[in-house]
N, C-alpha and C. Protein backbone atom coordinates (compact mmCIF):
# COMPACT_ATOMS: atom_id res chain seq x y z
N UNK A 1 11.64 13.59 1.30
CA UNK A 1 10.52 13.80 2.17
C UNK A 1 10.33 12.55 3.04
N UNK A 2 10.24 12.76 4.34
CA UNK A 2 10.02 11.69 5.29
C UNK A 2 8.52 11.43 5.39
N UNK A 3 8.12 10.17 5.26
CA UNK A 3 6.71 9.80 5.29
C UNK A 3 6.42 8.82 6.41
N UNK A 4 5.16 8.81 6.85
CA UNK A 4 4.67 7.81 7.80
C UNK A 4 4.10 6.66 6.98
N UNK A 5 4.64 5.47 7.19
CA UNK A 5 4.24 4.30 6.42
C UNK A 5 3.69 3.24 7.37
N UNK A 6 2.51 2.73 7.05
CA UNK A 6 1.93 1.63 7.81
C UNK A 6 2.15 0.34 7.02
N UNK A 7 2.59 -0.69 7.71
CA UNK A 7 2.83 -2.00 7.10
C UNK A 7 1.88 -3.03 7.68
N UNK A 8 1.48 -3.97 6.84
CA UNK A 8 0.66 -5.10 7.29
C UNK A 8 0.90 -6.26 6.34
N UNK A 9 0.59 -7.45 6.81
CA UNK A 9 0.77 -8.64 5.97
C UNK A 9 -0.08 -9.77 6.51
N UNK A 10 0.05 -10.90 5.86
CA UNK A 10 -0.39 -12.15 6.45
C UNK A 10 0.87 -12.97 6.69
N UNK A 11 0.71 -14.23 7.04
CA UNK A 11 1.86 -15.08 7.33
C UNK A 11 2.81 -15.23 6.14
N UNK A 12 2.28 -15.15 4.92
CA UNK A 12 3.12 -15.29 3.72
C UNK A 12 4.00 -14.07 3.47
N UNK A 13 3.69 -12.96 4.13
CA UNK A 13 4.43 -11.74 3.88
C UNK A 13 5.31 -11.26 5.02
N UNK A 14 5.36 -12.01 6.11
CA UNK A 14 6.08 -11.56 7.30
C UNK A 14 7.56 -11.30 7.03
N UNK A 15 8.24 -12.23 6.40
CA UNK A 15 9.68 -12.08 6.17
C UNK A 15 9.98 -10.90 5.25
N UNK A 16 9.24 -10.78 4.17
CA UNK A 16 9.46 -9.66 3.25
C UNK A 16 9.10 -8.34 3.91
N UNK A 17 8.06 -8.33 4.70
CA UNK A 17 7.65 -7.10 5.41
C UNK A 17 8.76 -6.61 6.33
N UNK A 18 9.43 -7.54 6.99
CA UNK A 18 10.54 -7.16 7.88
C UNK A 18 11.66 -6.50 7.09
N UNK A 19 11.99 -7.05 5.94
CA UNK A 19 13.04 -6.45 5.10
C UNK A 19 12.62 -5.06 4.62
N UNK A 20 11.37 -4.93 4.22
CA UNK A 20 10.88 -3.63 3.75
C UNK A 20 10.88 -2.62 4.89
N UNK A 21 10.49 -3.04 6.08
CA UNK A 21 10.51 -2.16 7.24
C UNK A 21 11.91 -1.64 7.52
N UNK A 22 12.88 -2.53 7.50
CA UNK A 22 14.28 -2.13 7.73
C UNK A 22 14.76 -1.18 6.65
N UNK A 23 14.38 -1.45 5.41
CA UNK A 23 14.76 -0.58 4.29
C UNK A 23 14.16 0.81 4.46
N UNK A 24 12.88 0.89 4.74
CA UNK A 24 12.21 2.18 4.90
C UNK A 24 12.79 2.96 6.08
N UNK A 25 13.06 2.26 7.17
CA UNK A 25 13.65 2.90 8.34
C UNK A 25 15.03 3.46 8.01
N UNK A 26 15.80 2.73 7.22
CA UNK A 26 17.14 3.20 6.83
C UNK A 26 17.08 4.46 5.99
N UNK A 27 15.95 4.68 5.31
CA UNK A 27 15.76 5.89 4.52
C UNK A 27 15.20 7.05 5.35
N UNK A 28 14.93 6.78 6.62
CA UNK A 28 14.44 7.82 7.51
C UNK A 28 12.94 7.90 7.66
N UNK A 29 12.20 7.01 7.01
CA UNK A 29 10.75 7.03 7.12
C UNK A 29 10.30 6.49 8.48
N UNK A 30 9.15 6.95 8.93
CA UNK A 30 8.54 6.46 10.16
C UNK A 30 7.66 5.26 9.80
N UNK A 31 7.95 4.11 10.37
CA UNK A 31 7.26 2.87 10.02
C UNK A 31 6.43 2.38 11.20
N UNK A 32 5.18 2.04 10.92
CA UNK A 32 4.28 1.45 11.91
C UNK A 32 3.85 0.09 11.37
N UNK A 33 4.41 -0.96 11.92
CA UNK A 33 4.10 -2.33 11.48
C UNK A 33 2.97 -2.87 12.34
N UNK A 34 1.82 -3.12 11.71
CA UNK A 34 0.66 -3.62 12.44
C UNK A 34 0.60 -5.15 12.51
N UNK A 35 1.65 -5.80 12.03
CA UNK A 35 1.72 -7.24 12.18
C UNK A 35 1.24 -7.98 10.95
N UNK A 36 1.27 -9.30 11.08
CA UNK A 36 1.73 -10.12 12.19
C UNK A 36 3.26 -10.14 12.27
N UNK A 37 3.75 -10.77 13.32
CA UNK A 37 5.19 -10.75 13.55
C UNK A 37 5.82 -12.14 13.56
N UNK A 38 5.04 -13.15 13.16
CA UNK A 38 5.59 -14.50 12.98
C UNK A 38 4.83 -15.16 11.84
N UNK A 39 5.25 -16.35 11.47
CA UNK A 39 4.68 -17.00 10.28
C UNK A 39 3.51 -17.94 10.60
N UNK A 40 2.94 -17.82 11.79
CA UNK A 40 1.73 -18.59 12.10
C UNK A 40 0.60 -18.13 11.19
N UNK A 41 -0.22 -19.06 10.73
CA UNK A 41 -1.31 -18.74 9.81
C UNK A 41 -2.28 -17.74 10.44
N UNK A 42 -2.62 -16.71 9.67
CA UNK A 42 -3.56 -15.67 10.11
C UNK A 42 -4.48 -15.33 8.95
N UNK A 43 -5.53 -14.59 9.26
CA UNK A 43 -6.43 -14.08 8.24
C UNK A 43 -5.98 -12.68 7.84
N UNK A 44 -5.73 -12.50 6.57
CA UNK A 44 -5.19 -11.26 6.03
C UNK A 44 -5.98 -10.03 6.45
N UNK A 45 -7.29 -10.12 6.40
CA UNK A 45 -8.13 -8.96 6.70
C UNK A 45 -7.95 -8.45 8.13
N UNK A 46 -7.54 -9.31 9.05
CA UNK A 46 -7.33 -8.88 10.43
C UNK A 46 -6.19 -7.87 10.55
N UNK A 47 -5.33 -7.80 9.56
CA UNK A 47 -4.19 -6.89 9.58
C UNK A 47 -4.31 -5.79 8.53
N UNK A 48 -4.75 -6.14 7.34
CA UNK A 48 -4.83 -5.16 6.25
C UNK A 48 -5.97 -4.16 6.48
N UNK A 49 -7.08 -4.61 7.02
CA UNK A 49 -8.19 -3.69 7.28
C UNK A 49 -7.79 -2.57 8.25
N UNK A 50 -7.24 -2.88 9.44
CA UNK A 50 -6.82 -1.78 10.32
C UNK A 50 -5.74 -0.89 9.70
N UNK A 51 -4.84 -1.48 8.94
CA UNK A 51 -3.80 -0.69 8.28
C UNK A 51 -4.40 0.24 7.23
N UNK A 52 -5.39 -0.25 6.51
CA UNK A 52 -6.08 0.58 5.52
C UNK A 52 -6.78 1.76 6.18
N UNK A 53 -7.37 1.52 7.34
CA UNK A 53 -8.02 2.61 8.08
C UNK A 53 -7.01 3.68 8.48
N UNK A 54 -5.80 3.26 8.81
CA UNK A 54 -4.75 4.23 9.16
C UNK A 54 -4.45 5.17 7.98
N UNK A 55 -4.45 4.62 6.77
CA UNK A 55 -4.22 5.44 5.58
C UNK A 55 -5.43 6.34 5.34
N UNK A 56 -6.62 5.78 5.42
CA UNK A 56 -7.84 6.56 5.16
C UNK A 56 -8.01 7.70 6.15
N UNK A 57 -7.64 7.46 7.41
CA UNK A 57 -7.75 8.49 8.45
C UNK A 57 -6.59 9.47 8.42
N UNK A 58 -5.65 9.25 7.51
CA UNK A 58 -4.46 10.09 7.35
C UNK A 58 -3.51 10.02 8.55
N UNK A 59 -3.59 8.92 9.29
CA UNK A 59 -2.60 8.66 10.34
C UNK A 59 -1.31 8.14 9.74
N UNK A 60 -1.39 7.68 8.50
CA UNK A 60 -0.23 7.24 7.73
C UNK A 60 -0.33 7.88 6.35
N UNK A 61 0.81 8.28 5.80
CA UNK A 61 0.83 8.86 4.46
C UNK A 61 0.60 7.79 3.39
N UNK A 62 1.17 6.62 3.62
CA UNK A 62 1.06 5.52 2.67
C UNK A 62 1.09 4.19 3.42
N UNK A 63 0.67 3.15 2.71
CA UNK A 63 0.72 1.82 3.28
C UNK A 63 1.38 0.85 2.33
N UNK A 64 2.01 -0.16 2.88
CA UNK A 64 2.58 -1.25 2.10
C UNK A 64 2.12 -2.55 2.75
N UNK A 65 1.41 -3.36 1.95
CA UNK A 65 0.82 -4.60 2.46
C UNK A 65 1.35 -5.77 1.64
N UNK A 66 1.68 -6.86 2.33
CA UNK A 66 2.26 -8.01 1.67
C UNK A 66 1.49 -9.27 2.05
N UNK A 67 1.04 -9.99 1.02
CA UNK A 67 0.45 -11.32 1.23
C UNK A 67 1.08 -12.25 0.20
N UNK A 68 0.47 -13.38 -0.05
CA UNK A 68 1.06 -14.34 -0.97
C UNK A 68 1.24 -13.81 -2.37
N UNK A 69 0.21 -13.15 -2.90
CA UNK A 69 0.25 -12.66 -4.28
C UNK A 69 0.08 -11.15 -4.37
N UNK A 70 -0.56 -10.54 -3.38
CA UNK A 70 -0.79 -9.10 -3.37
C UNK A 70 -2.24 -8.73 -3.64
N UNK A 71 -2.95 -9.60 -4.32
CA UNK A 71 -4.33 -9.27 -4.72
C UNK A 71 -5.29 -9.23 -3.54
N UNK A 72 -5.12 -10.13 -2.59
CA UNK A 72 -6.00 -10.13 -1.42
C UNK A 72 -5.90 -8.82 -0.65
N UNK A 73 -4.68 -8.35 -0.46
CA UNK A 73 -4.48 -7.07 0.23
C UNK A 73 -5.15 -5.93 -0.52
N UNK A 74 -4.98 -5.91 -1.83
CA UNK A 74 -5.57 -4.83 -2.64
C UNK A 74 -7.09 -4.88 -2.59
N UNK A 75 -7.65 -6.08 -2.62
CA UNK A 75 -9.11 -6.20 -2.58
C UNK A 75 -9.66 -5.66 -1.27
N UNK A 76 -9.01 -5.97 -0.17
CA UNK A 76 -9.45 -5.47 1.14
C UNK A 76 -9.26 -3.96 1.21
N UNK A 77 -8.07 -3.49 0.88
CA UNK A 77 -7.75 -2.06 1.01
C UNK A 77 -8.66 -1.19 0.15
N UNK A 78 -8.95 -1.62 -1.05
CA UNK A 78 -9.76 -0.80 -1.96
C UNK A 78 -11.24 -0.75 -1.58
N UNK A 79 -11.63 -1.45 -0.52
CA UNK A 79 -12.99 -1.34 0.00
C UNK A 79 -13.16 -0.10 0.89
N UNK A 80 -12.04 0.57 1.18
CA UNK A 80 -12.05 1.70 2.10
C UNK A 80 -11.93 3.00 1.32
N UNK A 81 -12.89 3.90 1.52
CA UNK A 81 -12.86 5.21 0.87
C UNK A 81 -11.60 5.96 1.29
N UNK A 82 -10.86 6.46 0.33
CA UNK A 82 -9.62 7.18 0.62
C UNK A 82 -8.38 6.34 0.44
N UNK A 83 -8.56 5.06 0.18
CA UNK A 83 -7.42 4.17 -0.07
C UNK A 83 -7.42 3.80 -1.55
N UNK A 84 -6.28 3.98 -2.16
CA UNK A 84 -6.09 3.64 -3.57
C UNK A 84 -4.91 2.67 -3.65
N UNK A 85 -5.24 1.39 -3.60
CA UNK A 85 -4.22 0.34 -3.53
C UNK A 85 -3.93 -0.24 -4.91
N UNK A 86 -2.67 -0.54 -5.13
CA UNK A 86 -2.22 -1.15 -6.38
C UNK A 86 -1.34 -2.35 -6.07
N UNK A 87 -1.35 -3.31 -6.98
CA UNK A 87 -0.45 -4.45 -6.91
C UNK A 87 0.64 -4.21 -7.95
N UNK A 88 1.89 -4.27 -7.53
CA UNK A 88 3.00 -4.06 -8.46
C UNK A 88 3.97 -5.23 -8.35
N UNK A 89 4.43 -5.69 -9.52
CA UNK A 89 5.38 -6.80 -9.54
C UNK A 89 6.69 -6.42 -10.22
N UNK A 90 6.82 -5.14 -10.57
CA UNK A 90 8.09 -4.65 -11.10
C UNK A 90 8.17 -3.14 -10.88
N UNK A 91 9.37 -2.57 -10.92
CA UNK A 91 9.53 -1.14 -10.67
C UNK A 91 8.82 -0.24 -11.68
N UNK A 92 8.72 -0.66 -12.94
CA UNK A 92 8.03 0.15 -13.94
C UNK A 92 6.56 0.36 -13.55
N UNK A 93 5.90 -0.71 -13.14
CA UNK A 93 4.50 -0.60 -12.71
C UNK A 93 4.39 0.28 -11.47
N UNK A 94 5.35 0.18 -10.57
CA UNK A 94 5.34 1.01 -9.36
C UNK A 94 5.44 2.49 -9.71
N UNK A 95 6.28 2.80 -10.67
CA UNK A 95 6.44 4.20 -11.10
C UNK A 95 5.13 4.72 -11.69
N UNK A 96 4.53 3.95 -12.59
CA UNK A 96 3.27 4.39 -13.21
C UNK A 96 2.14 4.45 -12.19
N UNK A 97 2.15 3.55 -11.23
CA UNK A 97 1.10 3.54 -10.20
C UNK A 97 1.11 4.83 -9.39
N UNK A 98 2.26 5.40 -9.18
CA UNK A 98 2.35 6.68 -8.47
C UNK A 98 2.11 7.84 -9.44
N UNK A 99 2.77 7.82 -10.58
CA UNK A 99 2.66 8.94 -11.52
C UNK A 99 1.24 9.13 -12.05
N UNK A 100 0.57 8.06 -12.40
CA UNK A 100 -0.71 8.15 -13.09
C UNK A 100 -1.93 8.04 -12.18
N UNK A 101 -1.80 7.32 -11.05
CA UNK A 101 -2.98 7.09 -10.22
C UNK A 101 -2.88 7.67 -8.82
N UNK A 102 -1.71 8.17 -8.43
CA UNK A 102 -1.51 8.72 -7.09
C UNK A 102 -1.84 7.69 -6.01
N UNK A 103 -1.49 6.44 -6.26
CA UNK A 103 -1.78 5.37 -5.30
C UNK A 103 -1.15 5.68 -3.95
N UNK A 104 -1.85 5.28 -2.89
CA UNK A 104 -1.31 5.49 -1.55
C UNK A 104 -1.07 4.19 -0.79
N UNK A 105 -1.39 3.07 -1.41
CA UNK A 105 -1.09 1.76 -0.83
C UNK A 105 -0.48 0.87 -1.91
N UNK A 106 0.63 0.26 -1.57
CA UNK A 106 1.33 -0.68 -2.45
C UNK A 106 1.13 -2.09 -1.89
N UNK A 107 0.68 -2.99 -2.73
CA UNK A 107 0.49 -4.39 -2.34
C UNK A 107 1.46 -5.27 -3.11
N UNK A 108 2.12 -6.14 -2.37
CA UNK A 108 3.14 -7.01 -2.96
C UNK A 108 2.84 -8.47 -2.64
N UNK A 109 3.31 -9.34 -3.52
CA UNK A 109 3.16 -10.77 -3.33
C UNK A 109 4.43 -11.41 -2.83
N UNK A 110 4.45 -11.80 -1.58
CA UNK A 110 5.63 -12.42 -0.99
C UNK A 110 5.99 -13.76 -1.60
N UNK A 111 5.02 -14.41 -2.25
CA UNK A 111 5.30 -15.69 -2.92
C UNK A 111 5.62 -15.49 -4.40
N UNK A 112 5.50 -14.26 -4.88
CA UNK A 112 5.66 -13.97 -6.31
C UNK A 112 7.02 -13.33 -6.62
N UNK A 113 7.43 -12.41 -5.77
CA UNK A 113 8.67 -11.67 -6.03
C UNK A 113 9.66 -11.87 -4.88
N UNK A 114 10.93 -11.82 -5.21
CA UNK A 114 11.97 -11.93 -4.20
C UNK A 114 12.23 -10.58 -3.55
N UNK A 115 13.04 -10.61 -2.51
CA UNK A 115 13.26 -9.38 -1.74
C UNK A 115 14.01 -8.31 -2.54
N UNK A 116 14.93 -8.69 -3.41
CA UNK A 116 15.67 -7.68 -4.18
C UNK A 116 14.74 -6.87 -5.07
N UNK A 117 13.87 -7.54 -5.81
CA UNK A 117 12.94 -6.82 -6.68
C UNK A 117 11.91 -6.08 -5.85
N UNK A 118 11.49 -6.67 -4.73
CA UNK A 118 10.52 -6.00 -3.85
C UNK A 118 11.08 -4.68 -3.33
N UNK A 119 12.33 -4.69 -2.92
CA UNK A 119 12.94 -3.45 -2.42
C UNK A 119 13.09 -2.42 -3.53
N UNK A 120 13.38 -2.86 -4.75
CA UNK A 120 13.42 -1.94 -5.89
C UNK A 120 12.05 -1.33 -6.14
N UNK A 121 11.01 -2.16 -6.08
CA UNK A 121 9.65 -1.67 -6.27
C UNK A 121 9.30 -0.64 -5.21
N UNK A 122 9.57 -0.97 -3.96
CA UNK A 122 9.28 -0.05 -2.86
C UNK A 122 10.05 1.25 -3.03
N UNK A 123 11.32 1.16 -3.38
CA UNK A 123 12.14 2.36 -3.56
C UNK A 123 11.56 3.27 -4.64
N UNK A 124 11.21 2.71 -5.78
CA UNK A 124 10.64 3.50 -6.88
C UNK A 124 9.30 4.08 -6.47
N UNK A 125 8.44 3.27 -5.88
CA UNK A 125 7.10 3.72 -5.49
C UNK A 125 7.17 4.84 -4.46
N UNK A 126 8.09 4.73 -3.52
CA UNK A 126 8.23 5.76 -2.48
C UNK A 126 8.77 7.07 -3.04
N UNK A 127 9.65 7.00 -4.01
CA UNK A 127 10.31 8.20 -4.54
C UNK A 127 9.53 8.89 -5.66
N UNK A 128 8.57 8.20 -6.24
CA UNK A 128 7.86 8.74 -7.40
C UNK A 128 6.69 9.59 -6.96
N UNK A 129 6.57 10.76 -7.56
CA UNK A 129 5.47 11.68 -7.26
C UNK A 129 4.39 11.56 -8.33
N UNK A 130 3.19 11.94 -7.96
CA UNK A 130 2.06 12.00 -8.88
C UNK A 130 2.35 13.06 -9.94
N UNK A 131 2.06 12.74 -11.20
CA UNK A 131 2.20 13.72 -12.28
C UNK A 131 0.99 14.64 -12.23
N UNK A 132 1.20 15.81 -11.73
CA UNK A 132 0.12 16.76 -11.50
C UNK A 132 -0.29 17.43 -12.81
N UNK A 133 -0.70 16.60 -13.76
CA UNK A 133 -1.13 17.08 -15.07
C UNK A 133 -2.64 16.91 -15.19
N UNK A 134 -3.25 17.76 -15.99
CA UNK A 134 -4.72 17.80 -16.10
C UNK A 134 -5.32 16.43 -16.40
N UNK A 135 -4.74 15.68 -17.32
CA UNK A 135 -5.35 14.39 -17.69
C UNK A 135 -5.31 13.40 -16.53
N UNK A 136 -4.24 13.40 -15.74
CA UNK A 136 -4.16 12.48 -14.62
C UNK A 136 -5.04 12.94 -13.47
N UNK A 137 -5.09 14.23 -13.24
CA UNK A 137 -5.98 14.77 -12.20
C UNK A 137 -7.43 14.43 -12.54
N UNK A 138 -7.82 14.62 -13.78
CA UNK A 138 -9.19 14.32 -14.21
C UNK A 138 -9.50 12.84 -13.99
N UNK A 139 -8.59 11.97 -14.37
CA UNK A 139 -8.81 10.53 -14.25
C UNK A 139 -8.90 10.09 -12.78
N UNK A 140 -8.01 10.60 -11.96
CA UNK A 140 -8.04 10.27 -10.53
C UNK A 140 -9.33 10.78 -9.90
N UNK A 141 -9.74 11.98 -10.27
CA UNK A 141 -10.98 12.54 -9.72
C UNK A 141 -12.20 11.71 -10.11
N UNK A 142 -12.21 11.16 -11.31
CA UNK A 142 -13.32 10.30 -11.72
C UNK A 142 -13.39 9.04 -10.85
N UNK A 143 -12.25 8.47 -10.54
CA UNK A 143 -12.23 7.30 -9.67
C UNK A 143 -12.70 7.68 -8.27
N UNK A 144 -12.28 8.84 -7.78
CA UNK A 144 -12.72 9.30 -6.46
C UNK A 144 -14.23 9.50 -6.42
N UNK A 145 -14.79 10.02 -7.48
CA UNK A 145 -16.25 10.21 -7.54
C UNK A 145 -16.98 8.88 -7.51
N UNK A 146 -16.48 7.90 -8.20
CA UNK A 146 -17.07 6.56 -8.16
C UNK A 146 -17.03 6.02 -6.73
N UNK A 147 -15.89 6.18 -6.08
CA UNK A 147 -15.75 5.71 -4.70
C UNK A 147 -16.73 6.41 -3.77
N UNK A 148 -16.88 7.71 -3.93
CA UNK A 148 -17.80 8.47 -3.06
C UNK A 148 -19.24 8.00 -3.23
N UNK A 149 -19.60 7.59 -4.44
CA UNK A 149 -20.97 7.11 -4.69
C UNK A 149 -21.23 5.75 -4.08
N UNK A 150 -20.18 4.92 -3.94
CA UNK A 150 -20.40 3.53 -3.57
C UNK A 150 -19.77 3.10 -2.25
N UNK A 151 -18.94 3.93 -1.67
CA UNK A 151 -18.29 3.59 -0.41
C UNK A 151 -18.68 4.60 0.66
N UNK A 152 -18.71 4.17 1.91
CA UNK A 152 -19.00 5.08 3.02
C UNK A 152 -17.75 5.85 3.41
N UNK A 153 -17.98 7.05 3.89
CA UNK A 153 -16.88 7.87 4.40
C UNK A 153 -16.31 7.22 5.65
N UNK A 154 -15.03 7.41 5.88
CA UNK A 154 -14.37 6.87 7.07
C UNK A 154 -15.00 7.45 8.33
N UNK A 155 -15.58 8.65 8.24
CA UNK A 155 -16.23 9.27 9.40
C UNK A 155 -17.50 8.52 9.80
N UNK A 156 -18.04 7.72 8.91
CA UNK A 156 -19.27 6.97 9.19
C UNK A 156 -18.98 5.60 9.81
N UNK A 157 -17.71 5.23 9.87
CA UNK A 157 -17.35 3.90 10.38
C UNK A 157 -17.15 3.96 11.88
């Protein structure tokens, strides 16, 4: 299945983001890189926030965000209703993040993992489907209900 993927990073993730973009493109996915495009220091939220909105508005099927450790991207992305971001540092976690939580944004740490493991993580995360089983559906729906109570709809922004 060909997906629309939005990419974003800060200066610490530019090099890895470029490799991931090339990898995704080679698999036939449509990639929209929202920057930055050089290693000059930037504020992460200036890139991850607009990319998160692309996922929430369904202009992108999934997002992949890269910063130094991955946590900053996840913290920003998870403030947006409709975005379910996870930080993964190995392929096993990436598989479970898709199977059990139906995550739609993957956050990676450009200072934590090398490109070989990052590409393995991306490959597994992209290919893994949500386990459409009652227990996982119930759990995901509970998280969605919490989000609806505490976050504004994208239509209100």
